[in-house]
Amino acid sequence: MAVGLSALQTVLEEGNKDDWFSSPFILRLAIVAAVSLSLFVWIELTIEKPLIRLRLLTQRNFGFGTLAMTMVGFALFGSVYILPAYLGQAQGLQCRTDRRGAGVDRPAPADPDSAGAPAHAAVRYPLHRFHGPDDLRL
C-alpha cells in the first residue's frame, strides 16, 4: 500500500511537469502504482484477517458514507488547490495581485486586525453578554 500510494502521489504531482505519460519515469511509476494498489486490494480481500477490512464498503450505509465523504474531499481539494492553480496557469490570474475572480471591488485589508469596528463588535458582544460589561479582556 505504501509503495503504491507513494508512486501514485509522485505521478500526480510530477506528471504535469514531465508531460505525463511521455516521460518514462512517470510511466514506470504509474505502472508500479497500478500493480501495487491492485495487489494490495486483492490481498486484503482474500486473506482471513486483513489489515484493512475492505468488505465493510459493501455495507450500504458505510459504503455510501465513505463515497459521500470522498466526494466532499474532492470538492474541497478542488476549490482550495486545483481551481487557483488552474486560474493562475490557464487564465493568467495571480492570486496575490489580481482580485477580479474574487468578486471584490476594493483591495483586501493589509492585516486581519484592520477589519475595524464590525469585527470588534462581533467578538465583543458575546463576551459582554456572558462576562459582564466590565470584562477588559478585549
N, C-alpha and C. Protein backbone atom coordinates (compact mmCIF):
# COMPACT_ATOMS: atom_id res chain seq x y z
N MET A 1 0.83 -1.18 0.00
CA MET A 1 0.00 0.00 0.00
C MET A 1 0.87 1.25 0.00
N ALA A 2 1.92 1.28 0.82
CA ALA A 2 2.77 2.46 0.92
C ALA A 2 3.49 2.74 -0.40
N VAL A 3 3.97 1.68 -1.04
CA VAL A 3 4.67 1.85 -2.32
C VAL A 3 3.69 2.35 -3.38
N GLY A 4 2.50 1.77 -3.43
CA GLY A 4 1.51 2.17 -4.43
C GLY A 4 1.04 3.60 -4.24
N LEU A 5 0.75 3.98 -3.00
CA LEU A 5 0.30 5.36 -2.75
C LEU A 5 1.41 6.37 -2.99
N SER A 6 2.64 6.02 -2.63
CA SER A 6 3.77 6.93 -2.89
C SER A 6 4.00 7.11 -4.38
N ALA A 7 3.93 6.02 -5.13
CA ALA A 7 4.10 6.12 -6.58
C ALA A 7 2.97 6.92 -7.21
N LEU A 8 1.73 6.69 -6.74
CA LEU A 8 0.59 7.44 -7.28
C LEU A 8 0.71 8.93 -6.97
N GLN A 9 1.13 9.26 -5.76
CA GLN A 9 1.30 10.66 -5.40
C GLN A 9 2.37 11.33 -6.25
N THR A 10 3.46 10.63 -6.50
CA THR A 10 4.52 11.20 -7.34
C THR A 10 4.03 11.38 -8.77
N VAL A 11 3.27 10.43 -9.28
CA VAL A 11 2.72 10.55 -10.63
C VAL A 11 1.82 11.78 -10.71
N LEU A 12 0.96 11.97 -9.73
CA LEU A 12 0.02 13.09 -9.77
C LEU A 12 0.71 14.43 -9.57
N GLU A 13 1.75 14.48 -8.75
CA GLU A 13 2.44 15.74 -8.51
C GLU A 13 3.42 16.11 -9.60
N GLU A 14 4.17 15.14 -10.10
CA GLU A 14 5.23 15.42 -11.07
C GLU A 14 4.80 15.21 -12.52
N GLY A 15 3.64 14.63 -12.73
CA GLY A 15 3.21 14.32 -14.09
C GLY A 15 3.03 15.54 -14.97
N ASN A 16 2.53 16.62 -14.40
CA ASN A 16 2.30 17.83 -15.18
C ASN A 16 3.63 18.43 -15.65
N LYS A 17 4.64 18.40 -14.79
CA LYS A 17 5.94 18.96 -15.17
C LYS A 17 6.65 18.11 -16.21
N ASP A 18 6.45 16.79 -16.14
CA ASP A 18 7.18 15.88 -17.02
C ASP A 18 6.35 15.43 -18.22
N ASP A 19 5.30 16.14 -18.55
CA ASP A 19 4.45 15.85 -19.71
C ASP A 19 3.80 14.48 -19.61
N TRP A 20 3.30 14.17 -18.45
CA TRP A 20 2.55 12.97 -18.12
C TRP A 20 3.18 11.69 -18.65
N PHE A 21 2.50 10.96 -19.51
CA PHE A 21 2.95 9.61 -19.86
C PHE A 21 3.96 9.59 -21.00
N SER A 22 4.40 10.73 -21.47
CA SER A 22 5.50 10.72 -22.43
C SER A 22 6.84 10.59 -21.71
N SER A 23 6.84 10.78 -20.40
CA SER A 23 8.05 10.60 -19.59
C SER A 23 8.14 9.14 -19.14
N PRO A 24 9.28 8.48 -19.37
CA PRO A 24 9.41 7.08 -18.93
C PRO A 24 9.33 6.94 -17.41
N PHE A 25 9.81 7.94 -16.67
CA PHE A 25 9.75 7.90 -15.21
C PHE A 25 8.31 7.87 -14.71
N ILE A 26 7.48 8.74 -15.26
CA ILE A 26 6.08 8.80 -14.85
C ILE A 26 5.36 7.54 -15.28
N LEU A 27 5.65 7.03 -16.47
CA LEU A 27 5.02 5.80 -16.96
C LEU A 27 5.36 4.62 -16.05
N ARG A 28 6.63 4.50 -15.66
CA ARG A 28 7.02 3.41 -14.76
C ARG A 28 6.35 3.54 -13.40
N LEU A 29 6.30 4.74 -12.87
CA LEU A 29 5.66 4.94 -11.57
C LEU A 29 4.16 4.67 -11.64
N ALA A 30 3.54 4.99 -12.75
CA ALA A 30 2.11 4.70 -12.89
C ALA A 30 1.87 3.19 -12.91
N ILE A 31 2.73 2.47 -13.58
CA ILE A 31 2.61 1.00 -13.61
C ILE A 31 2.85 0.43 -12.22
N VAL A 32 3.86 0.93 -11.52
CA VAL A 32 4.13 0.47 -10.15
C VAL A 32 2.93 0.75 -9.25
N ALA A 33 2.33 1.94 -9.38
CA ALA A 33 1.17 2.28 -8.56
C ALA A 33 -0.01 1.37 -8.87
N ALA A 34 -0.28 1.13 -10.14
CA ALA A 34 -1.42 0.29 -10.51
C ALA A 34 -1.23 -1.14 -10.02
N VAL A 35 -0.03 -1.69 -10.22
CA VAL A 35 0.23 -3.07 -9.79
C VAL A 35 0.21 -3.17 -8.27
N SER A 36 0.86 -2.24 -7.58
CA SER A 36 0.93 -2.30 -6.11
C SER A 36 -0.44 -2.16 -5.47
N LEU A 37 -1.22 -1.19 -5.93
CA LEU A 37 -2.54 -0.98 -5.33
C LEU A 37 -3.50 -2.12 -5.68
N SER A 38 -3.41 -2.66 -6.89
CA SER A 38 -4.24 -3.81 -7.25
C SER A 38 -3.88 -5.03 -6.41
N LEU A 39 -2.60 -5.26 -6.22
CA LEU A 39 -2.13 -6.36 -5.39
C LEU A 39 -2.57 -6.18 -3.94
N PHE A 40 -2.51 -4.95 -3.44
CA PHE A 40 -2.96 -4.67 -2.08
C PHE A 40 -4.44 -4.99 -1.91
N VAL A 41 -5.28 -4.54 -2.84
CA VAL A 41 -6.72 -4.80 -2.75
C VAL A 41 -6.98 -6.30 -2.83
N TRP A 42 -6.31 -7.00 -3.74
CA TRP A 42 -6.51 -8.44 -3.87
C TRP A 42 -6.11 -9.18 -2.60
N ILE A 43 -4.98 -8.82 -2.02
CA ILE A 43 -4.53 -9.47 -0.78
C ILE A 43 -5.51 -9.20 0.35
N GLU A 44 -5.94 -7.96 0.49
CA GLU A 44 -6.85 -7.61 1.58
C GLU A 44 -8.21 -8.29 1.45
N LEU A 45 -8.63 -8.59 0.22
CA LEU A 45 -9.92 -9.26 0.03
C LEU A 45 -9.82 -10.77 0.18
N THR A 46 -8.62 -11.34 0.07
CA THR A 46 -8.52 -12.80 0.08
C THR A 46 -8.03 -13.39 1.39
N ILE A 47 -7.28 -12.65 2.20
CA ILE A 47 -6.76 -13.25 3.43
C ILE A 47 -7.83 -13.27 4.51
N GLU A 48 -7.62 -14.13 5.50
CA GLU A 48 -8.63 -14.33 6.55
C GLU A 48 -8.75 -13.14 7.49
N LYS A 49 -7.63 -12.58 7.92
CA LYS A 49 -7.64 -11.43 8.82
C LYS A 49 -6.91 -10.25 8.15
N PRO A 50 -7.63 -9.46 7.39
CA PRO A 50 -6.98 -8.37 6.66
C PRO A 50 -6.60 -7.20 7.58
N LEU A 51 -5.62 -6.44 7.16
CA LEU A 51 -5.22 -5.24 7.87
C LEU A 51 -6.30 -4.17 7.78
N ILE A 52 -6.85 -3.99 6.60
CA ILE A 52 -7.96 -3.06 6.35
C ILE A 52 -9.11 -3.89 5.79
N ARG A 53 -10.23 -3.88 6.49
CA ARG A 53 -11.36 -4.71 6.04
C ARG A 53 -12.14 -3.97 4.94
N LEU A 54 -11.75 -4.20 3.71
CA LEU A 54 -12.37 -3.54 2.57
C LEU A 54 -13.80 -4.01 2.33
N ARG A 55 -14.15 -5.18 2.84
CA ARG A 55 -15.51 -5.70 2.66
C ARG A 55 -16.55 -4.85 3.40
N LEU A 56 -16.11 -4.02 4.33
CA LEU A 56 -17.05 -3.11 5.00
C LEU A 56 -17.69 -2.14 4.01
N LEU A 57 -17.00 -1.87 2.91
CA LEU A 57 -17.55 -0.95 1.91
C LEU A 57 -18.77 -1.53 1.21
N THR A 58 -19.01 -2.82 1.32
CA THR A 58 -20.18 -3.42 0.71
C THR A 58 -21.44 -3.20 1.55
N GLN A 59 -21.28 -2.82 2.82
CA GLN A 59 -22.46 -2.47 3.62
C GLN A 59 -22.97 -1.12 3.15
N ARG A 60 -24.26 -1.03 2.97
CA ARG A 60 -24.85 0.12 2.30
C ARG A 60 -24.53 1.45 2.97
N ASN A 61 -24.78 1.58 4.26
CA ASN A 61 -24.58 2.87 4.93
C ASN A 61 -23.10 3.26 4.97
N PHE A 62 -22.24 2.33 5.30
CA PHE A 62 -20.82 2.63 5.37
C PHE A 62 -20.26 2.96 3.99
N GLY A 63 -20.67 2.22 2.98
CA GLY A 63 -20.19 2.47 1.62
C GLY A 63 -20.64 3.82 1.09
N PHE A 64 -21.93 4.15 1.29
CA PHE A 64 -22.42 5.45 0.83
C PHE A 64 -21.81 6.59 1.62
N GLY A 65 -21.61 6.40 2.92
CA GLY A 65 -20.96 7.44 3.73
C GLY A 65 -19.53 7.68 3.30
N THR A 66 -18.81 6.61 3.01
CA THR A 66 -17.43 6.75 2.55
C THR A 66 -17.40 7.42 1.18
N LEU A 67 -18.31 7.05 0.31
CA LEU A 67 -18.37 7.68 -1.02
C LEU A 67 -18.71 9.16 -0.91
N ALA A 68 -19.65 9.50 -0.04
CA ALA A 68 -20.04 10.90 0.14
C ALA A 68 -18.87 11.72 0.69
N MET A 69 -18.18 11.18 1.66
CA MET A 69 -17.04 11.92 2.23
C MET A 69 -15.89 12.03 1.24
N THR A 70 -15.73 11.05 0.37
CA THR A 70 -14.72 11.14 -0.68
C THR A 70 -15.07 12.25 -1.65
N MET A 71 -16.34 12.37 -2.02
CA MET A 71 -16.77 13.44 -2.92
C MET A 71 -16.59 14.81 -2.26
N VAL A 72 -16.88 14.91 -0.98
CA VAL A 72 -16.66 16.18 -0.26
C VAL A 72 -15.18 16.52 -0.26
N GLY A 73 -14.33 15.52 -0.04
CA GLY A 73 -12.89 15.75 -0.08
C GLY A 73 -12.42 16.22 -1.44
N PHE A 74 -12.94 15.62 -2.50
CA PHE A 74 -12.59 16.07 -3.86
C PHE A 74 -13.03 17.51 -4.08
N ALA A 75 -14.23 17.85 -3.63
CA ALA A 75 -14.74 19.21 -3.82
C ALA A 75 -13.90 20.22 -3.04
N LEU A 76 -13.56 19.91 -1.81
CA LEU A 76 -12.74 20.83 -1.02
C LEU A 76 -11.34 20.96 -1.60
N PHE A 77 -10.75 19.85 -2.00
CA PHE A 77 -9.42 19.89 -2.60
C PHE A 77 -9.46 20.69 -3.90
N GLY A 78 -10.49 20.47 -4.69
CA GLY A 78 -10.60 21.18 -5.96
C GLY A 78 -10.76 22.67 -5.79
N SER A 79 -11.54 23.07 -4.80
CA SER A 79 -11.77 24.51 -4.61
C SER A 79 -10.58 25.19 -3.97
N VAL A 80 -9.79 24.48 -3.17
CA VAL A 80 -8.68 25.12 -2.47
C VAL A 80 -7.38 25.04 -3.26
N TYR A 81 -7.15 23.96 -3.97
CA TYR A 81 -5.85 23.77 -4.63
C TYR A 81 -5.93 23.83 -6.15
N ILE A 82 -6.81 23.04 -6.74
CA ILE A 82 -6.80 22.91 -8.20
C ILE A 82 -7.37 24.15 -8.89
N LEU A 83 -8.45 24.74 -8.37
CA LEU A 83 -9.03 25.92 -9.02
C LEU A 83 -8.06 27.10 -9.05
N PRO A 84 -7.39 27.46 -7.94
CA PRO A 84 -6.41 28.55 -8.05
C PRO A 84 -5.24 28.22 -8.98
N ALA A 85 -4.81 26.96 -9.00
CA ALA A 85 -3.73 26.58 -9.91
C ALA A 85 -4.19 26.73 -11.36
N TYR A 86 -5.43 26.32 -11.64
CA TYR A 86 -5.97 26.46 -13.00
C TYR A 86 -6.10 27.93 -13.37
N LEU A 87 -6.65 28.74 -12.47
CA LEU A 87 -6.83 30.16 -12.77
C LEU A 87 -5.48 30.86 -12.96
N GLY A 88 -4.48 30.44 -12.22
CA GLY A 88 -3.16 31.05 -12.37
C GLY A 88 -2.48 30.65 -13.67
N GLN A 89 -2.62 29.39 -14.07
CA GLN A 89 -1.91 28.91 -15.25
C GLN A 89 -2.69 29.18 -16.54
N ALA A 90 -3.95 28.82 -16.58
CA ALA A 90 -4.71 28.90 -17.83
C ALA A 90 -5.32 30.29 -18.06
N GLN A 91 -5.77 30.94 -16.99
CA GLN A 91 -6.44 32.21 -17.15
C GLN A 91 -5.54 33.42 -16.91
N GLY A 92 -4.35 33.18 -16.39
CA GLY A 92 -3.41 34.27 -16.19
C GLY A 92 -3.70 35.13 -14.97
N LEU A 93 -4.49 34.66 -14.04
CA LEU A 93 -4.78 35.42 -12.83
C LEU A 93 -3.78 35.05 -11.74
N GLN A 94 -3.29 36.03 -11.04
CA GLN A 94 -2.37 35.79 -9.93
C GLN A 94 -3.14 36.02 -8.64
N CYS A 95 -3.12 35.05 -7.75
CA CYS A 95 -3.98 35.11 -6.58
C CYS A 95 -3.59 36.22 -5.62
N ARG A 96 -2.35 36.65 -5.57
CA ARG A 96 -1.95 37.69 -4.61
C ARG A 96 -2.20 39.09 -5.15
N THR A 97 -2.22 39.28 -6.47
CA THR A 97 -2.34 40.62 -7.01
C THR A 97 -3.66 40.86 -7.71
N ASP A 98 -4.24 39.86 -8.31
CA ASP A 98 -5.45 40.02 -9.11
C ASP A 98 -6.66 39.61 -8.30
N ARG A 99 -7.64 40.50 -8.15
CA ARG A 99 -8.80 40.19 -7.35
C ARG A 99 -10.07 40.15 -8.21
N ARG A 100 -9.90 40.03 -9.51
CA ARG A 100 -11.07 40.00 -10.39
C ARG A 100 -11.93 38.77 -10.17
N GLY A 101 -11.32 37.62 -9.93
CA GLY A 101 -12.07 36.39 -9.76
C GLY A 101 -12.77 36.28 -8.43
N ALA A 102 -12.39 37.11 -7.46
CA ALA A 102 -12.95 37.00 -6.13
C ALA A 102 -14.25 37.79 -5.97
N GLY A 103 -14.59 38.62 -6.94
CA GLY A 103 -15.79 39.43 -6.82
C GLY A 103 -15.64 40.56 -5.83
N VAL A 104 -14.43 41.04 -5.64
CA VAL A 104 -14.14 42.09 -4.67
C VAL A 104 -13.78 43.35 -5.44
N ASP A 105 -14.41 44.48 -5.09
CA ASP A 105 -14.14 45.74 -5.79
C ASP A 105 -13.00 46.52 -5.16
N ARG A 106 -12.68 46.25 -3.91
CA ARG A 106 -11.66 47.01 -3.22
C ARG A 106 -10.53 46.07 -2.81
N PRO A 107 -9.34 46.60 -2.56
CA PRO A 107 -8.26 45.73 -2.12
C PRO A 107 -8.52 45.17 -0.72
N ALA A 108 -7.93 44.05 -0.45
CA ALA A 108 -8.10 43.42 0.85
C ALA A 108 -7.36 44.22 1.91
N PRO A 109 -7.82 44.17 3.16
CA PRO A 109 -7.09 44.87 4.23
C PRO A 109 -5.67 44.32 4.35
N ALA A 110 -4.78 45.17 4.82
CA ALA A 110 -3.38 44.77 4.93
C ALA A 110 -3.19 43.66 5.94
N ASP A 111 -3.93 43.69 7.04
CA ASP A 111 -3.81 42.62 8.03
C ASP A 111 -5.20 42.31 8.57
N PRO A 112 -5.39 41.16 9.17
CA PRO A 112 -6.71 40.76 9.64
C PRO A 112 -7.25 41.65 10.76
N ASP A 113 -6.37 42.32 11.50
CA ASP A 113 -6.83 43.16 12.60
C ASP A 113 -7.40 44.49 12.13
N SER A 114 -7.26 44.80 10.83
CA SER A 114 -7.73 46.09 10.33
C SER A 114 -9.20 46.04 9.90
N ALA A 115 -9.92 45.00 10.27
CA ALA A 115 -11.32 44.91 9.89
C ALA A 115 -12.16 45.96 10.61
N GLY A 116 -11.70 46.44 11.75
CA GLY A 116 -12.33 47.58 12.40
C GLY A 116 -13.45 47.24 13.35
N ALA A 117 -14.35 48.20 13.49
CA ALA A 117 -15.41 48.13 14.49
C ALA A 117 -16.37 46.95 14.31
N PRO A 118 -16.78 46.59 13.09
CA PRO A 118 -17.72 45.45 12.99
C PRO A 118 -17.13 44.16 13.54
N ALA A 119 -15.86 43.90 13.26
CA ALA A 119 -15.25 42.68 13.78
C ALA A 119 -15.10 42.77 15.29
N HIS A 120 -14.73 43.94 15.79
CA HIS A 120 -14.60 44.10 17.25
C HIS A 120 -15.94 43.90 17.94
N ALA A 121 -17.00 44.45 17.37
CA ALA A 121 -18.33 44.29 17.97
C ALA A 121 -18.80 42.85 17.89
N ALA A 122 -18.47 42.16 16.81
CA ALA A 122 -18.90 40.77 16.67
C ALA A 122 -18.25 39.88 17.71
N VAL A 123 -17.05 40.21 18.12
CA VAL A 123 -16.37 39.44 19.15
C VAL A 123 -16.75 39.95 20.54
N ARG A 124 -16.88 41.24 20.68
CA ARG A 124 -17.12 41.85 22.00
C ARG A 124 -18.53 41.57 22.52
N TYR A 125 -19.54 41.56 21.65
CA TYR A 125 -20.91 41.39 22.12
C TYR A 125 -21.13 40.07 22.85
N PRO A 126 -20.72 38.93 22.29
CA PRO A 126 -20.94 37.69 23.05
C PRO A 126 -20.19 37.67 24.38
N LEU A 127 -18.97 38.22 24.43
CA LEU A 127 -18.23 38.25 25.69
C LEU A 127 -18.91 39.17 26.69
N HIS A 128 -19.40 40.31 26.23
CA HIS A 128 -20.10 41.25 27.10
C HIS A 128 -21.36 40.60 27.67
N ARG A 129 -22.00 39.81 26.85
CA ARG A 129 -23.25 39.18 27.26
C ARG A 129 -23.01 38.13 28.35
N PHE A 130 -21.91 37.38 28.25
CA PHE A 130 -21.67 36.29 29.19
C PHE A 130 -20.79 36.69 30.37
N HIS A 131 -19.94 37.71 30.22
CA HIS A 131 -18.98 38.04 31.26
C HIS A 131 -19.25 39.38 31.93
N GLY A 132 -20.16 40.14 31.44
CA GLY A 132 -20.47 41.43 32.04
C GLY A 132 -19.76 42.57 31.36
N PRO A 133 -20.22 43.81 31.60
CA PRO A 133 -19.67 44.98 30.89
C PRO A 133 -18.28 45.37 31.35
N ASP A 134 -17.81 44.92 32.50
CA ASP A 134 -16.50 45.33 32.98
C ASP A 134 -15.40 44.33 32.61
N ASP A 135 -15.66 43.42 31.68
CA ASP A 135 -14.66 42.47 31.22
C ASP A 135 -13.67 43.19 30.31
N LEU A 136 -12.41 43.24 30.69
CA LEU A 136 -11.41 44.02 29.95
C LEU A 136 -10.49 43.14 29.13
N ARG A 137 -10.90 41.93 28.81
CA ARG A 137 -10.01 41.05 28.06
C ARG A 137 -9.78 41.51 26.63
N LEU A 138 -10.71 42.23 26.03
CA LEU A 138 -10.51 42.69 24.64
C LEU A 138 -10.00 44.09 24.60
